[in-house]
């Protein structure tokens, strides 16, 4: 196995799926909800966006990619869909929502939040 810092985002997502398989469908619903909210009313969220990593237009493009990926894989296993969201630049968008989910649900799912911090925030 690779050393922890050398793991790719998809490998990190795969580890999270193995450790917490019951959480993955809930996280996917959270990501889908936030993505739909962004795509339905982008003007509302544009003022909150800081452009350190991507422009707002690029963020919208990533959100559309994530939505498409989730829609195509909805009938497949949730773990496979979750892992595919961490491929390429989609990982930037997905990891941001994953960490937000972990922060918002830290009290109820402490172990999951710790795993997310260890794997994705470093």
N, C-alpha and C. Protein backbone atom coordinates (compact mmCIF):
# COMPACT_ATOMS: atom_id res chain seq x y z
N UNK A 1 0.85 -1.18 0.00
CA UNK A 1 0.00 0.00 0.00
C UNK A 1 0.89 1.24 0.00
N UNK A 2 0.44 2.25 -0.71
CA UNK A 2 1.18 3.51 -0.75
C UNK A 2 1.18 4.19 0.61
N UNK A 3 2.20 4.98 0.82
CA UNK A 3 2.21 5.80 2.02
C UNK A 3 1.06 6.79 1.94
N UNK A 4 0.56 7.20 3.06
CA UNK A 4 -0.61 8.07 3.13
C UNK A 4 -0.52 9.32 2.25
N UNK A 5 0.54 10.10 2.29
CA UNK A 5 0.57 11.31 1.45
C UNK A 5 0.59 11.02 -0.05
N UNK A 6 0.96 9.81 -0.45
CA UNK A 6 1.06 9.49 -1.86
C UNK A 6 -0.22 8.89 -2.44
N UNK A 7 -1.26 8.78 -1.65
CA UNK A 7 -2.51 8.23 -2.14
C UNK A 7 -3.22 9.22 -3.05
N UNK A 8 -3.81 8.72 -4.11
CA UNK A 8 -4.60 9.58 -4.99
C UNK A 8 -5.96 9.84 -4.33
N UNK A 9 -6.69 10.80 -4.88
CA UNK A 9 -8.01 11.10 -4.33
C UNK A 9 -8.96 9.93 -4.46
N UNK A 10 -8.87 9.19 -5.55
CA UNK A 10 -9.75 8.04 -5.71
C UNK A 10 -9.40 6.93 -4.71
N UNK A 11 -8.13 6.77 -4.41
CA UNK A 11 -7.73 5.79 -3.40
C UNK A 11 -8.22 6.21 -2.02
N UNK A 12 -8.18 7.48 -1.73
CA UNK A 12 -8.69 7.98 -0.45
C UNK A 12 -10.19 7.77 -0.35
N UNK A 13 -10.90 8.03 -1.45
CA UNK A 13 -12.35 7.80 -1.48
C UNK A 13 -12.67 6.32 -1.30
N UNK A 14 -11.87 5.47 -1.91
CA UNK A 14 -12.07 4.02 -1.78
C UNK A 14 -11.89 3.59 -0.32
N UNK A 15 -10.91 4.14 0.36
CA UNK A 15 -10.70 3.83 1.78
C UNK A 15 -11.90 4.26 2.60
N UNK A 16 -12.40 5.45 2.33
CA UNK A 16 -13.57 5.97 3.05
C UNK A 16 -14.78 5.06 2.81
N UNK A 17 -14.93 4.56 1.60
CA UNK A 17 -16.04 3.64 1.28
C UNK A 17 -15.92 2.34 2.06
N UNK A 18 -14.70 1.84 2.19
CA UNK A 18 -14.49 0.59 2.92
C UNK A 18 -14.74 0.76 4.41
N UNK A 19 -14.34 1.90 4.94
CA UNK A 19 -14.50 2.12 6.38
C UNK A 19 -15.92 2.48 6.78
N UNK A 20 -16.62 3.23 5.93
CA UNK A 20 -17.94 3.76 6.27
C UNK A 20 -18.94 3.55 5.13
N UNK A 21 -19.22 2.32 4.76
CA UNK A 21 -20.12 2.09 3.62
C UNK A 21 -21.54 2.64 3.84
N UNK A 22 -22.01 2.67 5.07
CA UNK A 22 -23.36 3.15 5.35
C UNK A 22 -23.50 4.66 5.16
N UNK A 23 -22.40 5.40 5.24
CA UNK A 23 -22.44 6.85 5.12
C UNK A 23 -22.45 7.32 3.67
N UNK A 24 -21.99 6.50 2.76
CA UNK A 24 -21.79 6.93 1.38
C UNK A 24 -23.10 7.37 0.71
N UNK A 25 -24.19 6.62 0.81
CA UNK A 25 -25.45 7.10 0.19
C UNK A 25 -25.91 8.45 0.76
N UNK A 26 -25.72 8.65 2.04
CA UNK A 26 -26.13 9.92 2.67
C UNK A 26 -25.26 11.07 2.15
N UNK A 27 -23.98 10.82 2.05
CA UNK A 27 -23.06 11.84 1.53
C UNK A 27 -23.39 12.16 0.07
N UNK A 28 -23.72 11.14 -0.71
CA UNK A 28 -24.09 11.36 -2.11
C UNK A 28 -25.34 12.23 -2.21
N UNK A 29 -26.30 12.00 -1.33
CA UNK A 29 -27.51 12.84 -1.32
C UNK A 29 -27.17 14.27 -0.94
N UNK A 30 -26.27 14.45 0.01
CA UNK A 30 -25.83 15.79 0.40
C UNK A 30 -25.16 16.49 -0.78
N UNK A 31 -24.26 15.79 -1.46
CA UNK A 31 -23.57 16.37 -2.62
C UNK A 31 -24.57 16.71 -3.72
N UNK A 32 -25.52 15.81 -3.96
CA UNK A 32 -26.54 16.05 -4.99
C UNK A 32 -27.39 17.27 -4.63
N UNK A 33 -27.77 17.39 -3.37
CA UNK A 33 -28.58 18.53 -2.94
C UNK A 33 -27.85 19.85 -3.08
N UNK A 34 -26.62 19.89 -2.66
CA UNK A 34 -25.83 21.12 -2.78
C UNK A 34 -25.54 21.47 -4.24
N UNK A 35 -25.31 20.46 -5.04
CA UNK A 35 -25.05 20.68 -6.47
C UNK A 35 -26.30 21.22 -7.16
N UNK A 36 -27.44 20.62 -6.87
CA UNK A 36 -28.69 21.11 -7.45
C UNK A 36 -28.97 22.54 -7.04
N UNK A 37 -28.73 22.86 -5.76
CA UNK A 37 -28.95 24.23 -5.29
C UNK A 37 -28.06 25.22 -6.02
N UNK A 38 -26.82 24.84 -6.26
CA UNK A 38 -25.89 25.71 -6.97
C UNK A 38 -26.33 25.91 -8.42
N UNK A 39 -26.73 24.83 -9.07
CA UNK A 39 -27.09 24.92 -10.48
C UNK A 39 -28.45 25.58 -10.71
N UNK A 40 -29.34 25.49 -9.73
CA UNK A 40 -30.65 26.12 -9.87
C UNK A 40 -30.60 27.62 -9.67
N UNK A 41 -29.72 28.08 -8.80
CA UNK A 41 -29.65 29.51 -8.51
C UNK A 41 -28.20 29.95 -8.37
N UNK A 42 -27.45 29.96 -9.46
CA UNK A 42 -26.02 30.31 -9.37
C UNK A 42 -25.78 31.77 -8.96
N UNK A 43 -26.68 32.66 -9.33
CA UNK A 43 -26.48 34.08 -9.01
C UNK A 43 -26.45 34.30 -7.50
N UNK A 44 -27.24 33.54 -6.78
CA UNK A 44 -27.29 33.68 -5.32
C UNK A 44 -25.96 33.31 -4.67
N UNK A 45 -25.32 32.29 -5.19
CA UNK A 45 -24.07 31.81 -4.59
C UNK A 45 -22.82 32.47 -5.17
N UNK A 46 -22.97 33.17 -6.28
CA UNK A 46 -21.80 33.78 -6.91
C UNK A 46 -21.14 34.81 -6.00
N UNK A 47 -21.93 35.54 -5.24
CA UNK A 47 -21.37 36.57 -4.35
C UNK A 47 -20.57 35.96 -3.20
N UNK A 48 -20.84 34.70 -2.86
CA UNK A 48 -20.14 34.03 -1.76
C UNK A 48 -18.86 33.34 -2.21
N UNK A 49 -18.66 33.26 -3.51
CA UNK A 49 -17.52 32.50 -4.05
C UNK A 49 -16.25 33.35 -4.04
N UNK A 50 -15.19 32.79 -3.48
CA UNK A 50 -13.89 33.44 -3.62
C UNK A 50 -13.11 32.67 -4.68
N UNK A 51 -12.38 33.37 -5.49
CA UNK A 51 -11.76 32.76 -6.67
C UNK A 51 -10.30 32.38 -6.44
N UNK A 52 -10.03 31.76 -5.33
CA UNK A 52 -8.65 31.37 -5.06
C UNK A 52 -8.20 30.21 -5.94
N UNK A 53 -9.05 29.24 -6.12
CA UNK A 53 -8.66 28.05 -6.87
C UNK A 53 -9.26 28.05 -8.28
N UNK A 54 -10.55 28.30 -8.39
CA UNK A 54 -11.25 28.29 -9.67
C UNK A 54 -12.15 29.51 -9.78
N UNK A 55 -12.40 29.91 -11.02
CA UNK A 55 -13.39 30.95 -11.24
C UNK A 55 -14.77 30.35 -10.97
N UNK A 56 -15.76 31.20 -10.83
CA UNK A 56 -17.11 30.73 -10.57
C UNK A 56 -17.64 29.92 -11.76
N UNK A 57 -17.28 30.33 -12.97
CA UNK A 57 -17.71 29.59 -14.16
C UNK A 57 -17.13 28.18 -14.16
N UNK A 58 -15.88 28.05 -13.75
CA UNK A 58 -15.26 26.71 -13.67
C UNK A 58 -15.94 25.88 -12.59
N UNK A 59 -16.31 26.51 -11.49
CA UNK A 59 -17.03 25.82 -10.42
C UNK A 59 -18.36 25.28 -10.94
N UNK A 60 -19.07 26.07 -11.73
CA UNK A 60 -20.32 25.61 -12.32
C UNK A 60 -20.10 24.44 -13.26
N UNK A 61 -19.03 24.49 -14.02
CA UNK A 61 -18.71 23.39 -14.92
C UNK A 61 -18.44 22.11 -14.14
N UNK A 62 -17.70 22.22 -13.05
CA UNK A 62 -17.42 21.05 -12.20
C UNK A 62 -18.71 20.52 -11.58
N UNK A 63 -19.59 21.42 -11.15
CA UNK A 63 -20.87 21.00 -10.57
C UNK A 63 -21.69 20.24 -11.60
N UNK A 64 -21.69 20.69 -12.85
CA UNK A 64 -22.42 19.99 -13.91
C UNK A 64 -21.81 18.62 -14.17
N UNK A 65 -20.48 18.52 -14.14
CA UNK A 65 -19.82 17.22 -14.31
C UNK A 65 -20.21 16.26 -13.20
N UNK A 66 -20.21 16.76 -11.97
CA UNK A 66 -20.57 15.92 -10.83
C UNK A 66 -22.02 15.45 -10.94
N UNK A 67 -22.91 16.36 -11.31
CA UNK A 67 -24.32 15.99 -11.46
C UNK A 67 -24.48 14.93 -12.54
N UNK A 68 -23.80 15.11 -13.66
CA UNK A 68 -23.87 14.15 -14.75
C UNK A 68 -23.32 12.78 -14.31
N UNK A 69 -22.22 12.80 -13.63
CA UNK A 69 -21.60 11.56 -13.15
C UNK A 69 -22.53 10.83 -12.17
N UNK A 70 -23.17 11.58 -11.30
CA UNK A 70 -24.08 10.98 -10.34
C UNK A 70 -25.33 10.45 -11.04
N UNK A 71 -25.81 11.16 -12.03
CA UNK A 71 -27.01 10.73 -12.75
C UNK A 71 -26.73 9.45 -13.54
N UNK A 72 -25.57 9.36 -14.16
CA UNK A 72 -25.21 8.18 -14.94
C UNK A 72 -25.01 6.96 -14.05
N UNK A 73 -24.48 7.16 -12.87
CA UNK A 73 -24.17 6.04 -12.01
C UNK A 73 -25.17 5.78 -10.91
N UNK A 74 -26.31 6.45 -10.95
CA UNK A 74 -27.28 6.33 -9.86
C UNK A 74 -27.75 4.89 -9.66
N UNK A 75 -27.85 4.12 -10.72
CA UNK A 75 -28.32 2.74 -10.60
C UNK A 75 -27.20 1.79 -10.16
N UNK A 76 -25.99 2.23 -10.25
CA UNK A 76 -24.85 1.41 -9.84
C UNK A 76 -24.69 1.47 -8.33
N UNK A 77 -23.65 0.83 -7.86
CA UNK A 77 -23.40 0.85 -6.43
C UNK A 77 -22.96 2.24 -5.98
N UNK A 78 -23.42 2.70 -4.81
CA UNK A 78 -23.07 4.03 -4.33
C UNK A 78 -21.57 4.23 -4.16
N UNK A 79 -20.86 3.19 -3.75
CA UNK A 79 -19.42 3.31 -3.57
C UNK A 79 -18.70 3.63 -4.87
N UNK A 80 -19.10 2.99 -5.96
CA UNK A 80 -18.49 3.24 -7.25
C UNK A 80 -18.76 4.66 -7.73
N UNK A 81 -19.97 5.14 -7.52
CA UNK A 81 -20.31 6.52 -7.89
C UNK A 81 -19.48 7.49 -7.05
N UNK A 82 -19.40 7.22 -5.75
CA UNK A 82 -18.65 8.09 -4.84
C UNK A 82 -17.19 8.17 -5.27
N UNK A 83 -16.59 7.05 -5.56
CA UNK A 83 -15.18 7.02 -5.97
C UNK A 83 -14.99 7.77 -7.29
N UNK A 84 -15.93 7.63 -8.22
CA UNK A 84 -15.79 8.31 -9.51
C UNK A 84 -15.86 9.83 -9.37
N UNK A 85 -16.48 10.32 -8.32
CA UNK A 85 -16.55 11.77 -8.10
C UNK A 85 -15.20 12.37 -7.70
N UNK A 86 -14.25 11.52 -7.36
CA UNK A 86 -12.93 11.99 -6.95
C UNK A 86 -11.88 11.81 -8.04
N UNK A 87 -12.34 11.65 -9.26
CA UNK A 87 -11.44 11.50 -10.39
C UNK A 87 -11.23 12.85 -11.06
N UNK A 88 -10.02 13.23 -11.29
CA UNK A 88 -9.70 14.48 -11.99
C UNK A 88 -10.06 15.71 -11.18
N UNK A 89 -10.42 16.76 -11.90
CA UNK A 89 -10.73 18.04 -11.24
C UNK A 89 -12.03 18.00 -10.45
N UNK A 90 -12.89 17.00 -10.75
CA UNK A 90 -14.12 16.86 -9.95
C UNK A 90 -13.79 16.70 -8.48
N UNK A 91 -12.63 16.15 -8.18
CA UNK A 91 -12.24 15.94 -6.79
C UNK A 91 -12.18 17.25 -6.01
N UNK A 92 -11.80 18.33 -6.65
CA UNK A 92 -11.74 19.63 -5.96
C UNK A 92 -13.12 20.04 -5.47
N UNK A 93 -14.09 19.89 -6.34
CA UNK A 93 -15.47 20.25 -5.99
C UNK A 93 -16.04 19.27 -4.97
N UNK A 94 -15.88 17.97 -5.22
CA UNK A 94 -16.45 16.95 -4.36
C UNK A 94 -15.82 16.95 -2.97
N UNK A 95 -14.52 17.10 -2.90
CA UNK A 95 -13.84 17.11 -1.59
C UNK A 95 -14.30 18.30 -0.75
N UNK A 96 -14.54 19.42 -1.39
CA UNK A 96 -15.05 20.59 -0.66
C UNK A 96 -16.41 20.28 -0.04
N UNK A 97 -17.29 19.64 -0.79
CA UNK A 97 -18.61 19.29 -0.25
C UNK A 97 -18.52 18.18 0.80
N UNK A 98 -17.61 17.24 0.59
CA UNK A 98 -17.42 16.17 1.57
C UNK A 98 -16.95 16.74 2.91
N UNK A 99 -15.99 17.65 2.87
CA UNK A 99 -15.52 18.24 4.13
C UNK A 99 -16.60 19.10 4.77
N UNK A 100 -17.41 19.77 3.96
CA UNK A 100 -18.52 20.55 4.52
C UNK A 100 -19.53 19.64 5.21
N UNK A 101 -19.84 18.49 4.59
CA UNK A 101 -20.74 17.52 5.20
C UNK A 101 -20.17 17.03 6.53
N UNK A 102 -18.89 16.71 6.54
CA UNK A 102 -18.26 16.20 7.76
C UNK A 102 -18.28 17.26 8.87
N UNK A 103 -18.05 18.51 8.51
CA UNK A 103 -18.07 19.58 9.50
C UNK A 103 -19.47 19.80 10.06
N UNK A 104 -20.48 19.76 9.20
CA UNK A 104 -21.86 20.00 9.63
C UNK A 104 -22.41 18.85 10.46
N UNK A 105 -21.89 17.65 10.27
CA UNK A 105 -22.38 16.47 10.98
C UNK A 105 -21.35 15.88 11.93
N UNK A 106 -20.44 16.69 12.37
CA UNK A 106 -19.34 16.21 13.21
C UNK A 106 -19.82 15.60 14.52
N UNK A 107 -20.80 16.20 15.15
CA UNK A 107 -21.28 15.70 16.43
C UNK A 107 -21.93 14.32 16.29
N UNK A 108 -22.73 14.15 15.26
CA UNK A 108 -23.45 12.90 15.09
C UNK A 108 -22.56 11.78 14.54
N UNK A 109 -21.59 12.14 13.73
CA UNK A 109 -20.75 11.14 13.07
C UNK A 109 -19.28 11.47 13.29
N UNK A 110 -18.85 11.42 14.51
CA UNK A 110 -17.51 11.87 14.87
C UNK A 110 -16.40 11.08 14.17
N UNK A 111 -16.53 9.76 14.12
CA UNK A 111 -15.48 8.95 13.49
C UNK A 111 -15.38 9.23 11.99
N UNK A 112 -16.52 9.40 11.35
CA UNK A 112 -16.52 9.73 9.93
C UNK A 112 -15.84 11.07 9.69
N UNK A 113 -16.16 12.06 10.51
CA UNK A 113 -15.56 13.39 10.37
C UNK A 113 -14.05 13.34 10.56
N UNK A 114 -13.59 12.54 11.50
CA UNK A 114 -12.15 12.39 11.72
C UNK A 114 -11.49 11.75 10.50
N UNK A 115 -12.11 10.73 9.95
CA UNK A 115 -11.56 10.06 8.77
C UNK A 115 -11.48 11.01 7.58
N UNK A 116 -12.50 11.83 7.39
CA UNK A 116 -12.50 12.80 6.30
C UNK A 116 -11.37 13.79 6.49
N UNK A 117 -11.20 14.28 7.71
CA UNK A 117 -10.11 15.22 7.98
C UNK A 117 -8.76 14.59 7.71
N UNK A 118 -8.57 13.37 8.15
CA UNK A 118 -7.28 12.69 7.95
C UNK A 118 -6.99 12.41 6.48
N UNK A 119 -8.01 12.02 5.75
CA UNK A 119 -7.80 11.62 4.36
C UNK A 119 -7.76 12.79 3.39
N UNK A 120 -8.58 13.81 3.64
CA UNK A 120 -8.72 14.86 2.63
C UNK A 120 -8.23 16.23 3.04
N UNK A 121 -8.17 16.51 4.31
CA UNK A 121 -7.75 17.86 4.72
C UNK A 121 -6.27 17.88 5.04
N UNK A 122 -5.77 16.86 5.66
CA UNK A 122 -4.37 16.70 6.06
C UNK A 122 -3.98 17.82 6.95
